[in-house]
Amino acid sequence: MNVLGSAAVALVALLHVFFLILEMFLWTRPYGLKTFGLSREEAESTRKLAANQGLYNGFLAAGLVWGLVSVDGGFSIRVFFLSCVIVAGIFGAFTAKRSILFVQALPGVIALALVLLSRR
């Protein structure tokens, strides 16, 4: 179960690296515009906010990677950062777009459950 938990944490970390790239570098590009359903004008006017949001997603990814490479197994680190991912996903679902619940929060919940089960 520990390997499965670690794989799930790694997947969530990779998702957040992807979110960082989308929000920091692709926000005003065709792929970003299509992904977020934005017009060029909307994307340009929110570019700095999106980059800031992308940076926070990068911090979540970094924390999850830290938990994966931690010498002592990083259990507490993984639990903390997965909890942050879940809270951010729930908040995003209520304030921005409902699909964030499934794209961000759900993978975090699954990974957290696997991490907690691996502790037994």
PDB file of N, CA and C in Angstrom:
ATOM      1  N   MET A   1       0.828  -1.204   0.000  1.00  0.00           N
ATOM      2  CA  MET A   1       0.000   0.000   0.000  1.00  0.00           C
ATOM      3  C   MET A   1       0.869   1.263   0.000  1.00  0.00           C
ATOM      4  N   ASN A   2       2.059   1.187   0.589  1.00  0.00           N
ATOM      5  CA  ASN A   2       2.937   2.351   0.638  1.00  0.00           C
ATOM      6  C   ASN A   2       3.345   2.795  -0.768  1.00  0.00           C
ATOM      7  N   VAL A   3       3.622   1.835  -1.649  1.00  0.00           N
ATOM      8  CA  VAL A   3       3.994   2.157  -3.021  1.00  0.00           C
ATOM      9  C   VAL A   3       2.819   2.817  -3.743  1.00  0.00           C
ATOM     10  N   LEU A   4       1.633   2.302  -3.527  1.00  0.00           N
ATOM     11  CA  LEU A   4       0.437   2.868  -4.142  1.00  0.00           C
ATOM     12  C   LEU A   4       0.189   4.297  -3.638  1.00  0.00           C
ATOM     13  N   GLY A   5       0.357   4.499  -2.339  1.00  0.00           N
ATOM     14  CA  GLY A   5       0.207   5.836  -1.768  1.00  0.00           C
ATOM     15  C   GLY A   5       1.227   6.804  -2.344  1.00  0.00           C
ATOM     16  N   SER A   6       2.468   6.366  -2.451  1.00  0.00           N
ATOM     17  CA  SER A   6       3.525   7.214  -3.015  1.00  0.00           C
ATOM     18  C   SER A   6       3.244   7.539  -4.478  1.00  0.00           C
ATOM     19  N   ALA A   7       2.759   6.554  -5.220  1.00  0.00           N
ATOM     20  CA  ALA A   7       2.430   6.787  -6.629  1.00  0.00           C
ATOM     21  C   ALA A   7       1.296   7.811  -6.753  1.00  0.00           C
ATOM     22  N   ALA A   8       0.311   7.713  -5.874  1.00  0.00           N
ATOM     23  CA  ALA A   8      -0.806   8.666  -5.904  1.00  0.00           C
ATOM     24  C   ALA A   8      -0.333  10.072  -5.556  1.00  0.00           C
ATOM     25  N   VAL A   9       0.553  10.185  -4.569  1.00  0.00           N
ATOM     26  CA  VAL A   9       1.106  11.497  -4.206  1.00  0.00           C
ATOM     27  C   VAL A   9       1.890  12.064  -5.389  1.00  0.00           C
ATOM     28  N   ALA A  10       2.684  11.222  -6.041  1.00  0.00           N
ATOM     29  CA  ALA A  10       3.455  11.672  -7.207  1.00  0.00           C
ATOM     30  C   ALA A  10       2.534  12.143  -8.326  1.00  0.00           C
ATOM     31  N   LEU A  11       1.435  11.441  -8.541  1.00  0.00           N
ATOM     32  CA  LEU A  11       0.471  11.834  -9.575  1.00  0.00           C
ATOM     33  C   LEU A  11      -0.145  13.196  -9.246  1.00  0.00           C
ATOM     34  N   VAL A  12      -0.518  13.407  -7.993  1.00  0.00           N
ATOM     35  CA  VAL A  12      -1.086  14.698  -7.591  1.00  0.00           C
ATOM     36  C   VAL A  12      -0.041  15.802  -7.762  1.00  0.00           C
ATOM     37  N   ALA A  13       1.203  15.510  -7.422  1.00  0.00           N
ATOM     38  CA  ALA A  13       2.277  16.493  -7.614  1.00  0.00           C
ATOM     39  C   ALA A  13       2.424  16.839  -9.099  1.00  0.00           C
ATOM     40  N   LEU A  14       2.401  15.823  -9.955  1.00  0.00           N
ATOM     41  CA  LEU A  14       2.499  16.066 -11.401  1.00  0.00           C
ATOM     42  C   LEU A  14       1.323  16.883 -11.921  1.00  0.00           C
ATOM     43  N   LEU A  15       0.132  16.601 -11.403  1.00  0.00           N
ATOM     44  CA  LEU A  15      -1.035  17.403 -11.783  1.00  0.00           C
ATOM     45  C   LEU A  15      -0.808  18.874 -11.455  1.00  0.00           C
ATOM     46  N   HIS A  16      -0.226  19.133 -10.291  1.00  0.00           N
ATOM     47  CA  HIS A  16      -0.020  20.522  -9.884  1.00  0.00           C
ATOM     48  C   HIS A  16       1.110  21.195 -10.656  1.00  0.00           C
ATOM     49  N   VAL A  17       2.081  20.424 -11.117  1.00  0.00           N
ATOM     50  CA  VAL A  17       3.084  20.985 -12.026  1.00  0.00           C
ATOM     51  C   VAL A  17       2.400  21.352 -13.347  1.00  0.00           C
ATOM     52  N   PHE A  18       1.503  20.498 -13.802  1.00  0.00           N
ATOM     53  CA  PHE A  18       0.737  20.782 -15.016  1.00  0.00           C
ATOM     54  C   PHE A  18      -0.107  22.043 -14.840  1.00  0.00           C
ATOM     55  N   PHE A  19      -0.769  22.178 -13.675  1.00  0.00           N
ATOM     56  CA  PHE A  19      -1.561  23.383 -13.406  1.00  0.00           C
ATOM     57  C   PHE A  19      -0.667  24.615 -13.418  1.00  0.00           C
ATOM     58  N   LEU A  20       0.532  24.508 -12.836  1.00  0.00           N
ATOM     59  CA  LEU A  20       1.485  25.621 -12.833  1.00  0.00           C
ATOM     60  C   LEU A  20       1.789  26.037 -14.268  1.00  0.00           C
ATOM     61  N   ILE A  21       2.098  25.079 -15.119  1.00  0.00           N
ATOM     62  CA  ILE A  21       2.435  25.376 -16.515  1.00  0.00           C
ATOM     63  C   ILE A  21       1.255  26.026 -17.229  1.00  0.00           C
ATOM     64  N   LEU A  22       0.062  25.471 -17.023  1.00  0.00           N
ATOM     65  CA  LEU A  22      -1.132  26.050 -17.646  1.00  0.00           C
ATOM     66  C   LEU A  22      -1.345  27.494 -17.217  1.00  0.00           C
ATOM     67  N   GLU A  23      -1.254  27.750 -15.925  1.00  0.00           N
ATOM     68  CA  GLU A  23      -1.608  29.065 -15.401  1.00  0.00           C
ATOM     69  C   GLU A  23      -0.494  30.098 -15.544  1.00  0.00           C
ATOM     70  N   MET A  24       0.746  29.659 -15.517  1.00  0.00           N
ATOM     71  CA  MET A  24       1.843  30.619 -15.606  1.00  0.00           C
ATOM     72  C   MET A  24       2.312  30.862 -17.043  1.00  0.00           C
ATOM     73  N   PHE A  25       2.261  29.834 -17.885  1.00  0.00           N
ATOM     74  CA  PHE A  25       2.871  29.944 -19.201  1.00  0.00           C
ATOM     75  C   PHE A  25       1.908  29.789 -20.378  1.00  0.00           C
ATOM     76  N   LEU A  26       0.791  29.124 -20.170  1.00  0.00           N
ATOM     77  CA  LEU A  26      -0.122  28.863 -21.279  1.00  0.00           C
ATOM     78  C   LEU A  26      -1.453  29.600 -21.167  1.00  0.00           C
ATOM     79  N   TRP A  27      -1.616  30.412 -20.156  1.00  0.00           N
ATOM     80  CA  TRP A  27      -2.881  31.089 -19.875  1.00  0.00           C
ATOM     81  C   TRP A  27      -3.412  31.856 -21.085  1.00  0.00           C
ATOM     82  N   THR A  28      -2.541  32.580 -21.788  1.00  0.00           N
ATOM     83  CA  THR A  28      -2.979  33.406 -22.921  1.00  0.00           C
ATOM     84  C   THR A  28      -2.726  32.736 -24.270  1.00  0.00           C
ATOM     85  N   ARG A  29      -2.259  31.516 -24.250  1.00  0.00           N
ATOM     86  CA  ARG A  29      -2.010  30.751 -25.485  1.00  0.00           C
ATOM     87  C   ARG A  29      -3.283  29.985 -25.870  1.00  0.00           C
ATOM     88  N   PRO A  30      -3.372  29.534 -27.100  1.00  0.00           N
ATOM     89  CA  PRO A  30      -4.594  28.823 -27.539  1.00  0.00           C
ATOM     90  C   PRO A  30      -4.990  27.665 -26.615  1.00  0.00           C
ATOM     91  N   TYR A  31      -4.018  26.869 -26.160  1.00  0.00           N
ATOM     92  CA  TYR A  31      -4.359  25.737 -25.288  1.00  0.00           C
ATOM     93  C   TYR A  31      -4.955  26.221 -23.965  1.00  0.00           C
ATOM     94  N   GLY A  32      -4.373  27.260 -23.387  1.00  0.00           N
ATOM     95  CA  GLY A  32      -4.895  27.826 -22.143  1.00  0.00           C
ATOM     96  C   GLY A  32      -6.265  28.454 -22.330  1.00  0.00           C
ATOM     97  N   LEU A  33      -6.423  29.175 -23.411  1.00  0.00           N
ATOM     98  CA  LEU A  33      -7.718  29.803 -23.696  1.00  0.00           C
ATOM     99  C   LEU A  33      -8.808  28.746 -23.822  1.00  0.00           C
ATOM    100  N   LYS A  34      -8.498  27.665 -24.535  1.00  0.00           N
ATOM    101  CA  LYS A  34      -9.472  26.593 -24.729  1.00  0.00           C
ATOM    102  C   LYS A  34      -9.746  25.868 -23.409  1.00  0.00           C
ATOM    103  N   THR A  35      -8.686  25.561 -22.660  1.00  0.00           N
ATOM    104  CA  THR A  35      -8.835  24.833 -21.394  1.00  0.00           C
ATOM    105  C   THR A  35      -9.727  25.582 -20.422  1.00  0.00           C
ATOM    106  N   PHE A  36      -9.534  26.891 -20.318  1.00  0.00           N
ATOM    107  CA  PHE A  36     -10.269  27.678 -19.333  1.00  0.00           C
ATOM    108  C   PHE A  36     -11.476  28.400 -19.917  1.00  0.00           C
ATOM    109  N   GLY A  37     -11.709  28.251 -21.216  1.00  0.00           N
ATOM    110  CA  GLY A  37     -12.870  28.874 -21.848  1.00  0.00           C
ATOM    111  C   GLY A  37     -12.829  30.389 -21.792  1.00  0.00           C
ATOM    112  N   LEU A  38     -11.655  30.957 -22.013  1.00  0.00           N
ATOM    113  CA  LEU A  38     -11.476  32.405 -21.921  1.00  0.00           C
ATOM    114  C   LEU A  38     -11.322  33.038 -23.298  1.00  0.00           C
ATOM    115  N   SER A  39     -11.760  34.271 -23.384  1.00  0.00           N
ATOM    116  CA  SER A  39     -11.445  35.049 -24.579  1.00  0.00           C
ATOM    117  C   SER A  39     -10.022  35.591 -24.392  1.00  0.00           C
ATOM    118  N   ARG A  40      -9.421  36.026 -25.475  1.00  0.00           N
ATOM    119  CA  ARG A  40      -8.072  36.603 -25.387  1.00  0.00           C
ATOM    120  C   ARG A  40      -8.064  37.799 -24.432  1.00  0.00           C
ATOM    121  N   GLU A  41      -9.105  38.611 -24.471  1.00  0.00           N
ATOM    122  CA  GLU A  41      -9.180  39.795 -23.614  1.00  0.00           C
ATOM    123  C   GLU A  41      -9.277  39.402 -22.133  1.00  0.00           C
ATOM    124  N   GLU A  42     -10.117  38.413 -21.844  1.00  0.00           N
ATOM    125  CA  GLU A  42     -10.240  37.936 -20.456  1.00  0.00           C
ATOM    126  C   GLU A  42      -8.912  37.380 -19.956  1.00  0.00           C
ATOM    127  N   ALA A  43      -8.254  36.618 -20.804  1.00  0.00           N
ATOM    128  CA  ALA A  43      -6.977  36.015 -20.411  1.00  0.00           C
ATOM    129  C   ALA A  43      -5.926  37.094 -20.158  1.00  0.00           C
ATOM    130  N   GLU A  44      -5.863  38.066 -21.028  1.00  0.00           N
ATOM    131  CA  GLU A  44      -4.877  39.143 -20.843  1.00  0.00           C
ATOM    132  C   GLU A  44      -5.141  39.930 -19.559  1.00  0.00           C
ATOM    133  N   SER A  45      -6.407  40.176 -19.270  1.00  0.00           N
ATOM    134  CA  SER A  45      -6.720  40.989 -18.077  1.00  0.00           C
ATOM    135  C   SER A  45      -6.535  40.214 -16.772  1.00  0.00           C
ATOM    136  N   THR A  46      -6.483  38.897 -16.854  1.00  0.00           N
ATOM    137  CA  THR A  46      -6.318  38.082 -15.638  1.00  0.00           C
ATOM    138  C   THR A  46      -4.973  37.352 -15.611  1.00  0.00           C
ATOM    139  N   ARG A  47      -4.109  37.698 -16.518  1.00  0.00           N
ATOM    140  CA  ARG A  47      -2.823  37.011 -16.667  1.00  0.00           C
ATOM    141  C   ARG A  47      -2.008  36.975 -15.375  1.00  0.00           C
ATOM    142  N   LYS A  48      -1.885  38.105 -14.701  1.00  0.00           N
ATOM    143  CA  LYS A  48      -1.079  38.166 -13.473  1.00  0.00           C
ATOM    144  C   LYS A  48      -1.716  37.359 -12.339  1.00  0.00           C
ATOM    145  N   LEU A  49      -3.032  37.386 -12.246  1.00  0.00           N
ATOM    146  CA  LEU A  49      -3.715  36.579 -11.232  1.00  0.00           C
ATOM    147  C   LEU A  49      -3.502  35.088 -11.488  1.00  0.00           C
ATOM    148  N   ALA A  50      -3.579  34.698 -12.752  1.00  0.00           N
ATOM    149  CA  ALA A  50      -3.377  33.292 -13.107  1.00  0.00           C
ATOM    150  C   ALA A  50      -1.946  32.854 -12.802  1.00  0.00           C
ATOM    151  N   ALA A  51      -0.985  33.715 -13.089  1.00  0.00           N
ATOM    152  CA  ALA A  51       0.413  33.380 -12.799  1.00  0.00           C
ATOM    153  C   ALA A  51       0.619  33.203 -11.297  1.00  0.00           C
ATOM    154  N   ASN A  52      -0.014  34.046 -10.507  1.00  0.00           N
ATOM    155  CA  ASN A  52       0.068  33.917  -9.055  1.00  0.00           C
ATOM    156  C   ASN A  52      -0.534  32.597  -8.600  1.00  0.00           C
ATOM    157  N   GLN A  53      -1.666  32.252  -9.159  1.00  0.00           N
ATOM    158  CA  GLN A  53      -2.332  30.992  -8.833  1.00  0.00           C
ATOM    159  C   GLN A  53      -1.463  29.804  -9.255  1.00  0.00           C
ATOM    160  N   GLY A  54      -0.830  29.911 -10.398  1.00  0.00           N
ATOM    161  CA  GLY A  54       0.071  28.861 -10.864  1.00  0.00           C
ATOM    162  C   GLY A  54       1.248  28.672  -9.925  1.00  0.00           C
ATOM    163  N   LEU A  55       1.764  29.780  -9.414  1.00  0.00           N
ATOM    164  CA  LEU A  55       2.873  29.701  -8.466  1.00  0.00           C
ATOM    165  C   LEU A  55       2.458  28.936  -7.215  1.00  0.00           C
ATOM    166  N   TYR A  56       1.268  29.191  -6.709  1.00  0.00           N
ATOM    167  CA  TYR A  56       0.774  28.455  -5.540  1.00  0.00           C
ATOM    168  C   TYR A  56       0.623  26.965  -5.841  1.00  0.00           C
ATOM    169  N   ASN A  57       0.180  26.633  -7.039  1.00  0.00           N
ATOM    170  CA  ASN A  57       0.112  25.223  -7.422  1.00  0.00           C
ATOM    171  C   ASN A  57       1.507  24.608  -7.454  1.00  0.00           C
ATOM    172  N   GLY A  58       2.486  25.390  -7.851  1.00  0.00           N
ATOM    173  CA  GLY A  58       3.869  24.918  -7.815  1.00  0.00           C
ATOM    174  C   GLY A  58       4.339  24.651  -6.395  1.00  0.00           C
ATOM    175  N   PHE A  59       3.932  25.501  -5.459  1.00  0.00           N
ATOM    176  CA  PHE A  59       4.289  25.270  -4.048  1.00  0.00           C
ATOM    177  C   PHE A  59       3.654  23.979  -3.530  1.00  0.00           C
ATOM    178  N   LEU A  60       2.421  23.710  -3.940  1.00  0.00           N
ATOM    179  CA  LEU A  60       1.782  22.455  -3.535  1.00  0.00           C
ATOM    180  C   LEU A  60       2.546  21.260  -4.103  1.00  0.00           C
ATOM    181  N   ALA A  61       2.936  21.349  -5.365  1.00  0.00           N
ATOM    182  CA  ALA A  61       3.713  20.267  -5.978  1.00  0.00           C
ATOM    183  C   ALA A  61       5.040  20.084  -5.255  1.00  0.00           C
ATOM    184  N   ALA A  62       5.711  21.189  -4.942  1.00  0.00           N
ATOM    185  CA  ALA A  62       7.000  21.111  -4.248  1.00  0.00           C
ATOM    186  C   ALA A  62       6.844  20.456  -2.879  1.00  0.00           C
ATOM    187  N   GLY A  63       5.789  20.798  -2.163  1.00  0.00           N
ATOM    188  CA  GLY A  63       5.547  20.191  -0.858  1.00  0.00           C
ATOM    189  C   GLY A  63       5.289  18.699  -0.957  1.00  0.00           C
ATOM    190  N   LEU A  64       4.561  18.291  -1.971  1.00  0.00           N
ATOM    191  CA  LEU A  64       4.292  16.867  -2.156  1.00  0.00           C
ATOM    192  C   LEU A  64       5.569  16.107  -2.523  1.00  0.00           C
ATOM    193  N   VAL A  65       6.394  16.708  -3.363  1.00  0.00           N
ATOM    194  CA  VAL A  65       7.674  16.079  -3.708  1.00  0.00           C
ATOM    195  C   VAL A  65       8.560  15.995  -2.468  1.00  0.00           C
ATOM    196  N   TRP A  66       8.555  17.048  -1.666  1.00  0.00           N
ATOM    197  CA  TRP A  66       9.307  17.035  -0.403  1.00  0.00           C
ATOM    198  C   TRP A  66       8.860  15.855   0.458  1.00  0.00           C
ATOM    199  N   GLY A  67       7.559  15.641   0.547  1.00  0.00           N
ATOM    200  CA  GLY A  67       7.034  14.519   1.312  1.00  0.00           C
ATOM    201  C   GLY A  67       7.472  13.177   0.738  1.00  0.00           C
ATOM    202  N   LEU A  68       7.610  13.104  -0.580  1.00  0.00           N
ATOM    203  CA  LEU A  68       8.027  11.857  -1.215  1.00  0.00           C
ATOM    204  C   LEU A  68       9.504  11.546  -0.985  1.00  0.00           C
ATOM    205  N   VAL A  69      10.340  12.574  -0.948  1.00  0.00           N
ATOM    206  CA  VAL A  69      11.784  12.344  -0.842  1.00  0.00           C
ATOM    207  C   VAL A  69      12.304  12.485   0.582  1.00  0.00           C
ATOM    208  N   SER A  70      11.435  12.823   1.506  1.00  0.00           N
ATOM    209  CA  SER A  70      11.849  13.018   2.891  1.00  0.00           C
ATOM    210  C   SER A  70      12.460  11.735   3.460  1.00  0.00           C
ATOM    211  N   VAL A  71      13.559  11.889   4.181  1.00  0.00           N
ATOM    212  CA  VAL A  71      14.298  10.753   4.732  1.00  0.00           C
ATOM    213  C   VAL A  71      13.437   9.905   5.662  1.00  0.00           C
ATOM    214  N   ASP A  72      12.581  10.536   6.442  1.00  0.00           N
ATOM    215  CA  ASP A  72      11.763   9.798   7.420  1.00  0.00           C
ATOM    216  C   ASP A  72      10.434   9.312   6.836  1.00  0.00           C
ATOM    217  N   GLY A  73      10.294   9.374   5.539  1.00  0.00           N
ATOM    218  CA  GLY A  73       9.065   8.909   4.899  1.00  0.00           C
ATOM    219  C   GLY A  73       8.082  10.015   4.618  1.00  0.00           C
ATOM    220  N   GLY A  74       8.205  11.135   5.299  1.00  0.00           N
ATOM    221  CA  GLY A  74       7.402  12.308   4.995  1.00  0.00           C
ATOM    222  C   GLY A  74       5.910  12.169   5.206  1.00  0.00           C
ATOM    223  N   PHE A  75       5.491  11.292   6.104  1.00  0.00           N
ATOM    224  CA  PHE A  75       4.058  11.073   6.314  1.00  0.00           C
ATOM    225  C   PHE A  75       3.332  12.377   6.645  1.00  0.00           C
ATOM    226  N   SER A  76       3.809  13.103   7.632  1.00  0.00           N
ATOM    227  CA  SER A  76       3.143  14.350   8.049  1.00  0.00           C
ATOM    228  C   SER A  76       3.159  15.389   6.938  1.00  0.00           C
ATOM    229  N   ILE A  77       4.249  15.442   6.211  1.00  0.00           N
ATOM    230  CA  ILE A  77       4.356  16.397   5.107  1.00  0.00           C
ATOM    231  C   ILE A  77       3.336  16.052   4.019  1.00  0.00           C
ATOM    232  N   ARG A  78       3.234  14.785   3.693  1.00  0.00           N
ATOM    233  CA  ARG A  78       2.271  14.347   2.675  1.00  0.00           C
ATOM    234  C   ARG A  78       0.845  14.660   3.107  1.00  0.00           C
ATOM    235  N   VAL A  79       0.530  14.348   4.352  1.00  0.00           N
ATOM    236  CA  VAL A  79      -0.826  14.601   4.852  1.00  0.00           C
ATOM    237  C   VAL A  79      -1.135  16.099   4.801  1.00  0.00           C
ATOM    238  N   PHE A  80      -0.186  16.925   5.233  1.00  0.00           N
ATOM    239  CA  PHE A  80      -0.417  18.375   5.236  1.00  0.00           C
ATOM    240  C   PHE A  80      -0.662  18.896   3.821  1.00  0.00           C
ATOM    241  N   PHE A  81       0.236  18.567   2.886  1.00  0.00           N
ATOM    242  CA  PHE A  81       0.099  19.128   1.545  1.00  0.00           C
ATOM    243  C   PHE A  81      -1.081  18.536   0.780  1.00  0.00           C
ATOM    244  N   LEU A  82      -1.394  17.273   1.002  1.00  0.00           N
ATOM    245  CA  LEU A  82      -2.604  16.713   0.380  1.00  0.00           C
ATOM    246  C   LEU A  82      -3.855  17.375   0.946  1.00  0.00           C
ATOM    247  N   SER A  83      -3.844  17.678   2.239  1.00  0.00           N
ATOM    248  CA  SER A  83      -4.973  18.402   2.839  1.00  0.00           C
ATOM    249  C   SER A  83      -5.113  19.784   2.216  1.00  0.00           C
ATOM    250  N   CYS A  84      -3.989  20.452   1.969  1.00  0.00           N
ATOM    251  CA  CYS A  84      -4.016  21.763   1.304  1.00  0.00           C
ATOM    252  C   CYS A  84      -4.590  21.648  -0.103  1.00  0.00           C
ATOM    253  N   VAL A  85      -4.196  20.603  -0.822  1.00  0.00           N
ATOM    254  CA  VAL A  85      -4.717  20.360  -2.175  1.00  0.00           C
ATOM    255  C   VAL A  85      -6.236  20.189  -2.127  1.00  0.00           C
ATOM    256  N   ILE A  86      -6.707  19.418  -1.168  1.00  0.00           N
ATOM    257  CA  ILE A  86      -8.145  19.147  -1.054  1.00  0.00           C
ATOM    258  C   ILE A  86      -8.913  20.423  -0.729  1.00  0.00           C
ATOM    259  N   VAL A  87      -8.419  21.188   0.230  1.00  0.00           N
ATOM    260  CA  VAL A  87      -9.087  22.444   0.600  1.00  0.00           C
ATOM    261  C   VAL A  87      -9.096  23.406  -0.589  1.00  0.00           C
ATOM    262  N   ALA A  88      -7.970  23.514  -1.285  1.00  0.00           N
ATOM    263  CA  ALA A  88      -7.906  24.394  -2.456  1.00  0.00           C
ATOM    264  C   ALA A  88      -8.883  23.930  -3.536  1.00  0.00           C
ATOM    265  N   GLY A  89      -8.989  22.628  -3.721  1.00  0.00           N
ATOM    266  CA  GLY A  89      -9.918  22.090  -4.715  1.00  0.00           C
ATOM    267  C   GLY A  89     -11.369  22.353  -4.369  1.00  0.00           C
ATOM    268  N   ILE A  90     -11.709  22.187  -3.113  1.00  0.00           N
ATOM    269  CA  ILE A  90     -13.084  22.462  -2.668  1.00  0.00           C
ATOM    270  C   ILE A  90     -13.395  23.945  -2.808  1.00  0.00           C
ATOM    271  N   PHE A  91     -12.470  24.782  -2.376  1.00  0.00           N
ATOM    272  CA  PHE A  91     -12.668  26.230  -2.484  1.00  0.00           C
ATOM    273  C   PHE A  91     -12.813  26.642  -3.954  1.00  0.00           C
ATOM    274  N   GLY A  92     -11.950  26.094  -4.805  1.00  0.00           N
ATOM    275  CA  GLY A  92     -12.031  26.404  -6.231  1.00  0.00           C
ATOM    276  C   GLY A  92     -13.341  25.957  -6.850  1.00  0.00           C
ATOM    277  N   ALA A  93     -13.840  24.814  -6.399  1.00  0.00           N
ATOM    278  CA  ALA A  93     -15.114  24.318  -6.932  1.00  0.00           C
ATOM    279  C   ALA A  93     -16.273  25.247  -6.573  1.00  0.00           C
ATOM    280  N   PHE A  94     -16.223  25.822  -5.384  1.00  0.00           N
ATOM    281  CA  PHE A  94     -17.292  26.718  -4.959  1.00  0.00           C
ATOM    282  C   PHE A  94     -17.151  28.128  -5.510  1.00  0.00           C
ATOM    283  N   THR A  95     -15.916  28.567  -5.760  1.00  0.00           N
ATOM    284  CA  THR A  95     -15.713  29.962  -6.151  1.00  0.00           C
ATOM    285  C   THR A  95     -15.394  30.168  -7.624  1.00  0.00           C
ATOM    286  N   ALA A  96     -14.932  29.131  -8.310  1.00  0.00           N
ATOM    287  CA  ALA A  96     -14.516  29.317  -9.702  1.00  0.00           C
ATOM    288  C   ALA A  96     -15.258  28.385 -10.651  1.00  0.00           C
ATOM    289  N   LYS A  97     -15.023  27.086 -10.523  1.00  0.00           N
ATOM    290  CA  LYS A  97     -15.579  26.135 -11.482  1.00  0.00           C
ATOM    291  C   LYS A  97     -15.767  24.792 -10.797  1.00  0.00           C
ATOM    292  N   ARG A  98     -16.937  24.232 -10.922  1.00  0.00           N
ATOM    293  CA  ARG A  98     -17.272  22.980 -10.231  1.00  0.00           C
ATOM    294  C   ARG A  98     -16.329  21.827 -10.592  1.00  0.00           C
ATOM    295  N   SER A  99     -15.831  21.803 -11.818  1.00  0.00           N
ATOM    296  CA  SER A  99     -14.963  20.699 -12.265  1.00  0.00           C
ATOM    297  C   SER A  99     -13.664  20.614 -11.465  1.00  0.00           C
ATOM    298  N   ILE A 100     -13.281  21.701 -10.812  1.00  0.00           N
ATOM    299  CA  ILE A 100     -12.066  21.687  -9.984  1.00  0.00           C
ATOM    300  C   ILE A 100     -12.186  20.644  -8.872  1.00  0.00           C
ATOM    301  N   LEU A 101     -13.407  20.399  -8.432  1.00  0.00           N
ATOM    302  CA  LEU A 101     -13.632  19.387  -7.401  1.00  0.00           C
ATOM    303  C   LEU A 101     -13.137  18.019  -7.871  1.00  0.00           C
ATOM    304  N   PHE A 102     -13.341  17.717  -9.137  1.00  0.00           N
ATOM    305  CA  PHE A 102     -12.970  16.408  -9.669  1.00  0.00           C
ATOM    306  C   PHE A 102     -11.532  16.362 -10.178  1.00  0.00           C
ATOM    307  N   VAL A 103     -11.039  17.495 -10.660  1.00  0.00           N
ATOM    308  CA  VAL A 103      -9.695  17.542 -11.227  1.00  0.00           C
ATOM    309  C   VAL A 103      -8.626  17.702 -10.144  1.00  0.00           C
ATOM    310  N   GLN A 104      -8.949  18.416  -9.069  1.00  0.00           N
ATOM    311  CA  GLN A 104      -7.958  18.693  -8.034  1.00  0.00           C
ATOM    312  C   GLN A 104      -8.291  18.012  -6.709  1.00  0.00           C
ATOM    313  N   ALA A 105      -9.488  18.225  -6.194  1.00  0.00           N
ATOM    314  CA  ALA A 105      -9.816  17.713  -4.857  1.00  0.00           C
ATOM    315  C   ALA A 105      -9.912  16.187  -4.832  1.00  0.00           C
ATOM    316  N   LEU A 106     -10.585  15.601  -5.802  1.00  0.00           N
ATOM    317  CA  LEU A 106     -10.770  14.145  -5.795  1.00  0.00           C
ATOM    318  C   LEU A 106      -9.449  13.377  -5.849  1.00  0.00           C
ATOM    319  N   PRO A 107      -8.522  13.726  -6.748  1.00  0.00           N
ATOM    320  CA  PRO A 107      -7.230  13.031  -6.711  1.00  0.00           C
ATOM    321  C   PRO A 107      -6.518  13.216  -5.364  1.00  0.00           C
ATOM    322  N   GLY A 108      -6.663  14.396  -4.760  1.00  0.00           N
ATOM    323  CA  GLY A 108      -6.080  14.633  -3.443  1.00  0.00           C
ATOM    324  C   GLY A 108      -6.692  13.749  -2.373  1.00  0.00           C
ATOM    325  N   VAL A 109      -8.008  13.590  -2.421  1.00  0.00           N
ATOM    326  CA  VAL A 109      -8.710  12.725  -1.455  1.00  0.00           C
ATOM    327  C   VAL A 109      -8.256  11.275  -1.610  1.00  0.00           C
ATOM    328  N   ILE A 110      -8.168  10.819  -2.849  1.00  0.00           N
ATOM    329  CA  ILE A 110      -7.737   9.438  -3.096  1.00  0.00           C
ATOM    330  C   ILE A 110      -6.308   9.228  -2.600  1.00  0.00           C
ATOM    331  N   ALA A 111      -5.426  10.168  -2.925  1.00  0.00           N
ATOM    332  CA  ALA A 111      -4.034  10.049  -2.484  1.00  0.00           C
ATOM    333  C   ALA A 111      -3.940  10.087  -0.963  1.00  0.00           C
ATOM    334  N   LEU A 112      -4.699  10.973  -0.325  1.00  0.00           N
ATOM    335  CA  LEU A 112      -4.673  11.058   1.136  1.00  0.00           C
ATOM    336  C   LEU A 112      -5.171   9.759   1.759  1.00  0.00           C
ATOM    337  N   ALA A 113      -6.224   9.204   1.222  1.00  0.00           N
ATOM    338  CA  ALA A 113      -6.737   7.930   1.746  1.00  0.00           C
ATOM    339  C   ALA A 113      -5.682   6.836   1.632  1.00  0.00           C
ATOM    340  N   LEU A 114      -4.997   6.777   0.504  1.00  0.00           N
ATOM    341  CA  LEU A 114      -3.959   5.758   0.314  1.00  0.00           C
ATOM    342  C   LEU A 114      -2.775   5.983   1.256  1.00  0.00           C
ATOM    343  N   VAL A 115      -2.418   7.241   1.465  1.00  0.00           N
ATOM    344  CA  VAL A 115      -1.321   7.548   2.396  1.00  0.00           C
ATOM    345  C   VAL A 115      -1.713   7.141   3.813  1.00  0.00           C
ATOM    346  N   LEU A 116      -2.936   7.471   4.208  1.00  0.00           N
ATOM    347  CA  LEU A 116      -3.392   7.126   5.557  1.00  0.00           C
ATOM    348  C   LEU A 116      -3.488   5.602   5.726  1.00  0.00           C
ATOM    349  N   LEU A 117      -3.963   4.906   4.704  1.00  0.00           N
ATOM    350  CA  LEU A 117      -4.053   3.444   4.771  1.00  0.00           C
ATOM    351  C   LEU A 117      -2.675   2.788   4.835  1.00  0.00           C
ATOM    352  N   SER A 118      -1.696   3.418   4.210  1.00  0.00           N
ATOM    353  CA  SER A 118      -0.348   2.849   4.214  1.00  0.00           C
ATOM    354  C   SER A 118       0.323   2.984   5.581  1.00  0.00           C
ATOM    355  N   ARG A 119      -0.198   3.853   6.404  1.00  0.00           N
ATOM    356  CA  ARG A 119       0.369   4.093   7.744  1.00  0.00           C
ATOM    357  C   ARG A 119      -0.012   2.983   8.697  1.00  0.00           C
ATOM    358  N   ARG A 120      -1.080   2.261   8.412  1.00  0.00           N
ATOM    359  CA  ARG A 120      -1.567   1.204   9.317  1.00  0.00           C
ATOM    360  C   ARG A 120      -0.620   0.054   9.399  1.00  0.00           C
TER     361      ARG A 120
END
